[in-house]
PDB file of N, CA and C in Angstrom:
ATOM      1  N   MET A   1    -113.360-146.654 -55.542  1.00  0.00           N
ATOM      2  CA  MET A   1    -112.552-147.643 -54.874  1.00  0.00           C
ATOM      3  C   MET A   1    -112.638-148.970 -55.620  1.00  0.00           C
ATOM      4  N   LEU A   2    -111.890-149.919 -55.097  1.00  0.00           N
ATOM      5  CA  LEU A   2    -111.789-151.209 -55.765  1.00  0.00           C
ATOM      6  C   LEU A   2    -113.124-151.952 -55.785  1.00  0.00           C
ATOM      7  N   ALA A   3    -113.880-151.851 -54.686  1.00  0.00           N
ATOM      8  CA  ALA A   3    -115.156-152.573 -54.611  1.00  0.00           C
ATOM      9  C   ALA A   3    -116.172-152.025 -55.602  1.00  0.00           C
ATOM     10  N   SER A   4    -116.091-150.754 -55.955  1.00  0.00           N
ATOM     11  CA  SER A   4    -117.034-150.204 -56.924  1.00  0.00           C
ATOM     12  C   SER A   4    -116.686-150.634 -58.346  1.00  0.00           C
ATOM     13  N   VAL A   5    -115.412-150.945 -58.600  1.00  0.00           N
ATOM     14  CA  VAL A   5    -115.008-151.397 -59.931  1.00  0.00           C
ATOM     15  C   VAL A   5    -115.221-152.897 -60.078  1.00  0.00           C
ATOM     16  N   LEU A   6    -114.727-153.637 -59.090  1.00  0.00           N
ATOM     17  CA  LEU A   6    -114.890-155.096 -59.113  1.00  0.00           C
ATOM     18  C   LEU A   6    -115.982-155.476 -58.124  1.00  0.00           C
ATOM     19  N   ASN A   7    -116.899-156.269 -58.550  1.00  0.00           N
ATOM     20  CA  ASN A   7    -118.013-156.636 -57.688  1.00  0.00           C
ATOM     21  C   ASN A   7    -117.834-158.080 -57.213  1.00  0.00           C
ATOM     22  N   ASN A   8    -116.801-158.299 -56.362  1.00  0.00           N
ATOM     23  CA  ASN A   8    -116.638-159.623 -55.770  1.00  0.00           C
ATOM     24  C   ASN A   8    -116.215-159.492 -54.313  1.00  0.00           C
ATOM     25  N   GLU A   9    -116.213-160.574 -53.602  1.00  0.00           N
ATOM     26  CA  GLU A   9    -115.970-160.574 -52.150  1.00  0.00           C
ATOM     27  C   GLU A   9    -114.553-160.119 -51.798  1.00  0.00           C
ATOM     28  N   SER A  10    -113.549-160.535 -52.566  1.00  0.00           N
ATOM     29  CA  SER A  10    -112.168-160.158 -52.241  1.00  0.00           C
ATOM     30  C   SER A  10    -111.962-158.654 -52.411  1.00  0.00           C
ATOM     31  N   ALA A  11    -112.571-158.043 -53.387  1.00  0.00           N
ATOM     32  CA  ALA A  11    -112.461-156.598 -53.574  1.00  0.00           C
ATOM     33  C   ALA A  11    -113.096-155.858 -52.401  1.00  0.00           C
ATOM     34  N   ILE A  12    -114.227-156.354 -51.923  1.00  0.00           N
ATOM     35  CA  ILE A  12    -114.891-155.741 -50.771  1.00  0.00           C
ATOM     36  C   ILE A  12    -114.025-155.861 -49.524  1.00  0.00           C
ATOM     37  N   GLN A  13    -113.410-157.026 -49.306  1.00  0.00           N
ATOM     38  CA  GLN A  13    -112.539-157.235 -48.149  1.00  0.00           C
ATOM     39  C   GLN A  13    -111.311-156.333 -48.209  1.00  0.00           C
ATOM     40  N   VAL A  14    -110.719-156.190 -49.387  1.00  0.00           N
ATOM     41  CA  VAL A  14    -109.568-155.294 -49.546  1.00  0.00           C
ATOM     42  C   VAL A  14    -109.979-153.860 -49.247  1.00  0.00           C
ATOM     43  N   ASN A  15    -111.140-153.450 -49.713  1.00  0.00           N
ATOM     44  CA  ASN A  15    -111.639-152.111 -49.460  1.00  0.00           C
ATOM     45  C   ASN A  15    -111.830-151.875 -47.957  1.00  0.00           C
ATOM     46  N   ILE A  16    -112.389-152.851 -47.259  1.00  0.00           N
ATOM     47  CA  ILE A  16    -112.579-152.749 -45.806  1.00  0.00           C
ATOM     48  C   ILE A  16    -111.226-152.628 -45.094  1.00  0.00           C
ATOM     49  N   GLN A  17    -110.244-153.421 -45.514  1.00  0.00           N
ATOM     50  CA  GLN A  17    -108.906-153.367 -44.904  1.00  0.00           C
ATOM     51  C   GLN A  17    -108.262-152.000 -45.119  1.00  0.00           C
ATOM     52  N   ILE A  18    -108.444-151.442 -46.321  1.00  0.00           N
ATOM     53  CA  ILE A  18    -107.877-150.118 -46.600  1.00  0.00           C
ATOM     54  C   ILE A  18    -108.486-149.072 -45.669  1.00  0.00           C
ATOM     55  N   VAL A  19    -109.779-149.120 -45.468  1.00  0.00           N
ATOM     56  CA  VAL A  19    -110.441-148.168 -44.578  1.00  0.00           C
ATOM     57  C   VAL A  19    -109.948-148.351 -43.144  1.00  0.00           C
ATOM     58  N   ARG A  20    -109.799-149.592 -42.703  1.00  0.00           N
ATOM     59  CA  ARG A  20    -109.297-149.862 -41.345  1.00  0.00           C
ATOM     60  C   ARG A  20    -107.876-149.328 -41.167  1.00  0.00           C
ATOM     61  N   ILE A  21    -107.047-149.523 -42.178  1.00  0.00           N
ATOM     62  CA  ILE A  21    -105.664-149.046 -42.094  1.00  0.00           C
ATOM     63  C   ILE A  21    -105.633-147.521 -42.004  1.00  0.00           C
ATOM     64  N   PHE A  22    -106.444-146.847 -42.806  1.00  0.00           N
ATOM     65  CA  PHE A  22    -106.468-145.389 -42.755  1.00  0.00           C
ATOM     66  C   PHE A  22    -106.981-144.874 -41.420  1.00  0.00           C
ATOM     67  N   THR A  23    -107.958-145.540 -40.827  1.00  0.00           N
ATOM     68  CA  THR A  23    -108.433-145.097 -39.520  1.00  0.00           C
ATOM     69  C   THR A  23    -107.364-145.309 -38.448  1.00  0.00           C
ATOM     70  N   LYS A  24    -106.627-146.421 -38.535  1.00  0.00           N
ATOM     71  CA  LYS A  24    -105.537-146.643 -37.568  1.00  0.00           C
ATOM     72  C   LYS A  24    -104.435-145.603 -37.740  1.00  0.00           C
ATOM     73  N   MET A  25    -104.137-145.277 -38.995  1.00  0.00           N
ATOM     74  CA  MET A  25    -103.125-144.246 -39.249  1.00  0.00           C
ATOM     75  C   MET A  25    -103.564-142.900 -38.682  1.00  0.00           C
ATOM     76  N   ARG A  26    -104.842-142.567 -38.827  1.00  0.00           N
ATOM     77  CA  ARG A  26    -105.353-141.317 -38.280  1.00  0.00           C
ATOM     78  C   ARG A  26    -105.249-141.316 -36.755  1.00  0.00           C
ATOM     79  N   GLU A  27    -105.572-142.433 -36.116  1.00  0.00           N
ATOM     80  CA  GLU A  27    -105.460-142.543 -34.662  1.00  0.00           C
ATOM     81  C   GLU A  27    -104.016-142.382 -34.220  1.00  0.00           C
ATOM     82  N   MET A  28    -103.090-143.008 -34.951  1.00  0.00           N
ATOM     83  CA  MET A  28    -101.673-142.901 -34.605  1.00  0.00           C
ATOM     84  C   MET A  28    -101.191-141.462 -34.731  1.00  0.00           C
ATOM     85  N   LEU A  29    -101.608-140.774 -35.777  1.00  0.00           N
ATOM     86  CA  LEU A  29    -101.226-139.376 -35.947  1.00  0.00           C
ATOM     87  C   LEU A  29    -101.791-138.508 -34.837  1.00  0.00           C
ATOM     88  N   ALA A  30    -103.029-138.794 -34.437  1.00  0.00           N
ATOM     89  CA  ALA A  30    -103.640-138.030 -33.351  1.00  0.00           C
ATOM     90  C   ALA A  30    -102.882-138.258 -32.051  1.00  0.00           C
ATOM     91  N   SER A  31    -102.488-139.491 -31.783  1.00  0.00           N
ATOM     92  CA  SER A  31    -101.743-139.763 -30.547  1.00  0.00           C
ATOM     93  C   SER A  31    -100.362-139.119 -30.601  1.00  0.00           C
ATOM     94  N   GLN A  32     -99.773-139.065 -31.776  1.00  0.00           N
ATOM     95  CA  GLN A  32     -98.477-138.397 -31.901  1.00  0.00           C
ATOM     96  C   GLN A  32     -98.617-136.895 -31.687  1.00  0.00           C
ATOM     97  N   LYS A  33     -99.732-136.326 -32.137  1.00  0.00           N
ATOM     98  CA  LYS A  33     -99.958-134.900 -31.907  1.00  0.00           C
ATOM     99  C   LYS A  33    -100.057-134.613 -30.423  1.00  0.00           C
ATOM    100  N   GLU A  34    -100.730-135.492 -29.687  1.00  0.00           N
ATOM    101  CA  GLU A  34    -100.834-135.322 -28.241  1.00  0.00           C
ATOM    102  C   GLU A  34     -99.449-135.385 -27.607  1.00  0.00           C
ATOM    103  N   ALA A  35     -98.645-136.336 -28.042  1.00  0.00           N
ATOM    104  CA  ALA A  35     -97.290-136.457 -27.502  1.00  0.00           C
ATOM    105  C   ALA A  35     -96.462-135.227 -27.848  1.00  0.00           C
ATOM    106  N   LEU A  36     -96.607-134.721 -29.061  1.00  0.00           N
ATOM    107  CA  LEU A  36     -95.878-133.518 -29.458  1.00  0.00           C
ATOM    108  C   LEU A  36     -96.338-132.307 -28.645  1.00  0.00           C
ATOM    109  N   ASN A  37     -97.633-132.214 -28.386  1.00  0.00           N
ATOM    110  CA  ASN A  37     -98.137-131.118 -27.552  1.00  0.00           C
ATOM    111  C   ASN A  37     -97.562-131.199 -26.148  1.00  0.00           C
ATOM    112  N   ARG A  38     -97.508-132.400 -25.601  1.00  0.00           N
ATOM    113  CA  ARG A  38     -96.925-132.581 -24.265  1.00  0.00           C
ATOM    114  C   ARG A  38     -95.449-132.197 -24.264  1.00  0.00           C
ATOM    115  N   LEU A  39     -94.727-132.599 -25.300  1.00  0.00           N
ATOM    116  CA  LEU A  39     -93.313-132.238 -25.393  1.00  0.00           C
ATOM    117  C   LEU A  39     -93.135-130.726 -25.489  1.00  0.00           C
ATOM    118  N   GLU A  40     -93.995-130.057 -26.231  1.00  0.00           N
ATOM    119  CA  GLU A  40     -93.914-128.601 -26.332  1.00  0.00           C
ATOM    120  C   GLU A  40     -94.148-127.942 -24.978  1.00  0.00           C
ATOM    121  N   LYS A  41     -95.132-128.446 -24.223  1.00  0.00           N
ATOM    122  CA  LYS A  41     -95.394-127.892 -22.901  1.00  0.00           C
ATOM    123  C   LYS A  41     -94.192-128.084 -21.985  1.00  0.00           C
ATOM    124  N   ILE A  42     -93.597-129.269 -22.042  1.00  0.00           N
ATOM    125  CA  ILE A  42     -92.417-129.540 -21.223  1.00  0.00           C
ATOM    126  C   ILE A  42     -91.272-128.620 -21.634  1.00  0.00           C
ATOM    127  N   GLU A  43     -91.122-128.417 -22.929  1.00  0.00           N
ATOM    128  CA  GLU A  43     -90.055-127.547 -23.426  1.00  0.00           C
ATOM    129  C   GLU A  43     -90.237-126.114 -22.929  1.00  0.00           C
ATOM    130  N   HIS A  44     -91.491-125.630 -22.934  1.00  0.00           N
ATOM    131  CA  HIS A  44     -91.748-124.282 -22.444  1.00  0.00           C
ATOM    132  C   HIS A  44     -91.451-124.171 -20.947  1.00  0.00           C
ATOM    133  N   LYS A  45     -91.827-125.201 -20.201  1.00  0.00           N
ATOM    134  CA  LYS A  45     -91.539-125.188 -18.762  1.00  0.00           C
ATOM    135  C   LYS A  45     -90.032-125.185 -18.515  1.00  0.00           C
ATOM    136  N   MET A  46     -89.308-125.982 -19.289  1.00  0.00           N
ATOM    137  CA  MET A  46     -87.856-126.036 -19.128  1.00  0.00           C
ATOM    138  C   MET A  46     -87.225-124.694 -19.487  1.00  0.00           C
ATOM    139  N   ALA A  47     -87.748-124.038 -20.506  1.00  0.00           N
ATOM    140  CA  ALA A  47     -87.228-122.723 -20.882  1.00  0.00           C
ATOM    141  C   ALA A  47     -87.463-121.721 -19.759  1.00  0.00           C
ATOM    142  N   GLU A  48     -88.645-121.789 -19.132  1.00  0.00           N
ATOM    143  CA  GLU A  48     -88.927-120.923 -17.989  1.00  0.00           C
ATOM    144  C   GLU A  48     -87.955-121.198 -16.857  1.00  0.00           C
ATOM    145  N   HIS A  49     -87.732-122.468 -16.567  1.00  0.00           N
ATOM    146  CA  HIS A  49     -86.815-122.830 -15.490  1.00  0.00           C
ATOM    147  C   HIS A  49     -85.400-122.396 -15.815  1.00  0.00           C
ATOM    148  N   ASP A  50     -84.999-122.518 -17.077  1.00  0.00           N
ATOM    149  CA  ASP A  50     -83.668-122.065 -17.470  1.00  0.00           C
ATOM    150  C   ASP A  50     -83.507-120.573 -17.200  1.00  0.00           C
ATOM    151  N   ASN A  51     -84.524-119.804 -17.551  1.00  0.00           N
ATOM    152  CA  ASN A  51     -84.466-118.359 -17.311  1.00  0.00           C
ATOM    153  C   ASN A  51     -84.384-118.057 -15.822  1.00  0.00           C
ATOM    154  N   GLN A  52     -85.146-118.789 -15.027  1.00  0.00           N
ATOM    155  CA  GLN A  52     -85.124-118.565 -13.582  1.00  0.00           C
ATOM    156  C   GLN A  52     -83.767-118.930 -12.992  1.00  0.00           C
ATOM    157  N   VAL A  53     -83.168-120.002 -13.477  1.00  0.00           N
ATOM    158  CA  VAL A  53     -81.845-120.401 -12.991  1.00  0.00           C
ATOM    159  C   VAL A  53     -80.812-119.346 -13.370  1.00  0.00           C
ATOM    160  N   LEU A  54     -80.914-118.793 -14.569  1.00  0.00           N
ATOM    161  CA  LEU A  54     -79.988-117.737 -14.985  1.00  0.00           C
ATOM    162  C   LEU A  54     -80.115-116.509 -14.096  1.00  0.00           C
ATOM    163  N   VAL A  55     -81.337-116.161 -13.728  1.00  0.00           N
ATOM    164  CA  VAL A  55     -81.545-115.019 -12.832  1.00  0.00           C
ATOM    165  C   VAL A  55     -80.910-115.302 -11.476  1.00  0.00           C
ATOM    166  N   ILE A  56     -81.063-116.507 -10.986  1.00  0.00           N
ATOM    167  CA  ILE A  56     -80.461-116.877  -9.701  1.00  0.00           C
ATOM    168  C   ILE A  56     -78.948-116.741  -9.767  1.00  0.00           C
ATOM    169  N   PHE A  57     -78.339-117.219 -10.855  1.00  0.00           N
ATOM    170  CA  PHE A  57     -76.888-117.109 -10.988  1.00  0.00           C
ATOM    171  C   PHE A  57     -76.438-115.650 -11.084  1.00  0.00           C
ATOM    172  N   GLU A  58     -77.225-114.820 -11.736  1.00  0.00           N
ATOM    173  CA  GLU A  58     -76.873-113.397 -11.806  1.00  0.00           C
ATOM    174  C   GLU A  58     -76.885-112.776 -10.410  1.00  0.00           C
ATOM    175  N   TYR A  59     -77.909-113.098  -9.619  1.00  0.00           N
ATOM    176  CA  TYR A  59     -77.966-112.579  -8.256  1.00  0.00           C
ATOM    177  C   TYR A  59     -76.799-113.089  -7.416  1.00  0.00           C
ATOM    178  N   LEU A  60     -76.438-114.352  -7.599  1.00  0.00           N
ATOM    179  CA  LEU A  60     -75.299-114.893  -6.858  1.00  0.00           C
ATOM    180  C   LEU A  60     -73.995-114.182  -7.244  1.00  0.00           C
ATOM    181  N   LYS A  61     -73.838-113.879  -8.521  1.00  0.00           N
ATOM    182  CA  LYS A  61     -72.642-113.140  -8.956  1.00  0.00           C
ATOM    183  C   LYS A  61     -72.600-111.755  -8.340  1.00  0.00           C
ATOM    184  N   LYS A  62     -73.760-111.079  -8.323  1.00  0.00           N
ATOM    185  CA  LYS A  62     -73.814-109.747  -7.718  1.00  0.00           C
ATOM    186  C   LYS A  62     -73.496-109.810  -6.232  1.00  0.00           C
ATOM    187  N   LEU A  63     -74.008-110.829  -5.558  1.00  0.00           N
ATOM    188  CA  LEU A  63     -73.733-110.996  -4.132  1.00  0.00           C
ATOM    189  C   LEU A  63     -72.253-111.237  -3.900  1.00  0.00           C
ATOM    190  N   GLU A  64     -71.643-112.063  -4.741  1.00  0.00           N
ATOM    191  CA  GLU A  64     -70.210-112.340  -4.609  1.00  0.00           C
ATOM    192  C   GLU A  64     -69.393-111.079  -4.865  1.00  0.00           C
ATOM    193  N   GLN A  65     -69.782-110.290  -5.836  1.00  0.00           N
ATOM    194  CA  GLN A  65     -69.065-109.037  -6.108  1.00  0.00           C
ATOM    195  C   GLN A  65     -69.187-108.079  -4.934  1.00  0.00           C
ATOM    196  N   ALA A  66     -70.366-108.024  -4.333  1.00  0.00           N
ATOM    197  CA  ALA A  66     -70.561-107.153  -3.177  1.00  0.00           C
ATOM    198  C   ALA A  66     -69.688-107.610  -2.012  1.00  0.00           C
ATOM    199  N   LYS A  67     -69.578-108.911  -1.811  1.00  0.00           N
ATOM    200  CA  LYS A  67     -68.715-109.426  -0.743  1.00  0.00           C
ATOM    201  C   LYS A  67     -67.256-109.103  -1.015  1.00  0.00           C
ATOM    202  N   GLN A  68     -66.841-109.234  -2.265  1.00  0.00           N
ATOM    203  CA  GLN A  68     -65.455-108.931  -2.631  1.00  0.00           C
ATOM    204  C   GLN A  68     -65.156-107.453  -2.390  1.00  0.00           C
ATOM    205  N   GLN A  69     -66.077-106.577  -2.751  1.00  0.00           N
ATOM    206  CA  GLN A  69     -65.869-105.147  -2.515  1.00  0.00           C
ATOM    207  C   GLN A  69     -65.792-104.847  -1.029  1.00  0.00           C
ATOM    208  N   GLU A  70     -66.616-105.510  -0.252  1.00  0.00           N
ATOM    209  CA  GLU A  70     -66.602-105.299   1.195  1.00  0.00           C
ATOM    210  C   GLU A  70     -65.274-105.752   1.792  1.00  0.00           C
ATOM    211  N   LEU A  71     -64.773-106.905   1.330  1.00  0.00           N
ATOM    212  CA  LEU A  71     -63.483-107.389   1.818  1.00  0.00           C
ATOM    213  C   LEU A  71     -62.346-106.454   1.410  1.00  0.00           C
ATOM    214  N   GLU A  72     -62.383-105.944   0.201  1.00  0.00           N
ATOM    215  CA  GLU A  72     -61.343-105.019  -0.254  1.00  0.00           C
ATOM    216  C   GLU A  72     -61.366-103.737   0.568  1.00  0.00           C
ATOM    217  N   GLN A  73     -62.546-103.263   0.905  1.00  0.00           N
ATOM    218  CA  GLN A  73     -62.644-102.053   1.720  1.00  0.00           C
ATOM    219  C   GLN A  73     -62.110-102.292   3.115  1.00  0.00           C
ATOM    220  N   LYS A  74     -62.334-103.465   3.668  1.00  0.00           N
ATOM    221  CA  LYS A  74     -61.827-103.775   5.005  1.00  0.00           C
ATOM    222  C   LYS A  74     -60.310-103.903   5.009  1.00  0.00           C
ATOM    223  N   LYS A  75     -59.726-104.389   3.900  1.00  0.00           N
ATOM    224  CA  LYS A  75     -58.287-104.586   3.825  1.00  0.00           C
ATOM    225  C   LYS A  75     -57.526-103.284   3.588  1.00  0.00           C
ATOM    226  N   GLN A  76     -58.194-102.283   3.088  1.00  0.00           N
ATOM    227  CA  GLN A  76     -57.517-101.020   2.812  1.00  0.00           C
ATOM    228  C   GLN A  76     -57.067-100.368   4.108  1.00  0.00           C
ATOM    229  N   LYS A  77     -55.890 -99.737   4.030  1.00  0.00           N
ATOM    230  CA  LYS A  77     -55.407 -98.999   5.200  1.00  0.00           C
ATOM    231  C   LYS A  77     -56.161 -97.685   5.287  1.00  0.00           C
ATOM    232  N   ARG A  78     -56.486 -97.350   6.486  1.00  0.00           N
ATOM    233  CA  ARG A  78     -57.189 -96.101   6.697  1.00  0.00           C
ATOM    234  C   ARG A  78     -56.210 -94.952   6.595  1.00  0.00           C
ATOM    235  N   VAL A  79     -56.653 -93.902   6.004  1.00  0.00           N
ATOM    236  CA  VAL A  79     -55.835 -92.707   5.842  1.00  0.00           C
ATOM    237  C   VAL A  79     -56.199 -91.734   6.950  1.00  0.00           C
ATOM    238  N   GLY A  80     -55.168 -91.163   7.542  1.00  0.00           N
ATOM    239  CA  GLY A  80     -55.431 -90.154   8.559  1.00  0.00           C
ATOM    240  C   GLY A  80     -54.805 -90.533   9.883  1.00  0.00           C
ATOM    241  N   TYR A  81     -55.185 -89.818  10.894  1.00  0.00           N
ATOM    242  CA  TYR A  81     -54.636 -90.047  12.216  1.00  0.00           C
ATOM    243  C   TYR A  81     -55.285 -91.260  12.857  1.00  0.00           C
ATOM    244  N   LYS A  82     -54.490 -91.958  13.653  1.00  0.00           N
ATOM    245  CA  LYS A  82     -55.022 -93.117  14.365  1.00  0.00           C
ATOM    246  C   LYS A  82     -55.340 -92.724  15.782  1.00  0.00           C
ATOM    247  N   ARG A  83     -56.405 -93.208  16.273  1.00  0.00           N
ATOM    248  CA  ARG A  83     -56.761 -92.966  17.662  1.00  0.00           C
ATOM    249  C   ARG A  83     -56.022 -93.969  18.536  1.00  0.00           C
ATOM    250  N   LYS A  84     -56.001 -93.749  19.795  1.00  0.00           N
ATOM    251  CA  LYS A  84     -55.284 -94.625  20.713  1.00  0.00           C
ATOM    252  C   LYS A  84     -55.886 -96.027  20.708  1.00  0.00           C
ATOM    253  N   ASP A  85     -57.192 -96.145  20.593  1.00  0.00           N
ATOM    254  CA  ASP A  85     -57.836 -97.457  20.651  1.00  0.00           C
ATOM    255  C   ASP A  85     -57.706 -98.227  19.334  1.00  0.00           C
ATOM    256  N   GLU A  86     -57.203 -97.655  18.237  1.00  0.00           N
ATOM    257  CA  GLU A  86     -57.061 -98.323  16.943  1.00  0.00           C
ATOM    258  C   GLU A  86     -55.706 -98.943  16.743  1.00  0.00           C
ATOM    259  N   GLN A  87     -54.798 -98.782  17.598  1.00  0.00           N
ATOM    260  CA  GLN A  87     -53.448 -99.303  17.376  1.00  0.00           C
ATOM    261  C   GLN A  87     -53.443-100.744  17.603  1.00  0.00           C
TER     262      GLN A  87
END
């Protein structure tokens, strides 16, 4: 480092500042990793929720189709003889 080459006070101070800057950079990177980990967890939760919402919509579509089939069956004319109480 600079302090080992130059043996004066300003070289020592510059060397100390460089070490301080690198430690701050390491701390910032560590905090960013934590934030990235949190974002990944949130992303996984959102993906799970998306899948659950898709399943809900599929069930709703099936329910709607079942209702439509039931209505179509009720609207169909019955084939065969009619009883007196069905007129």
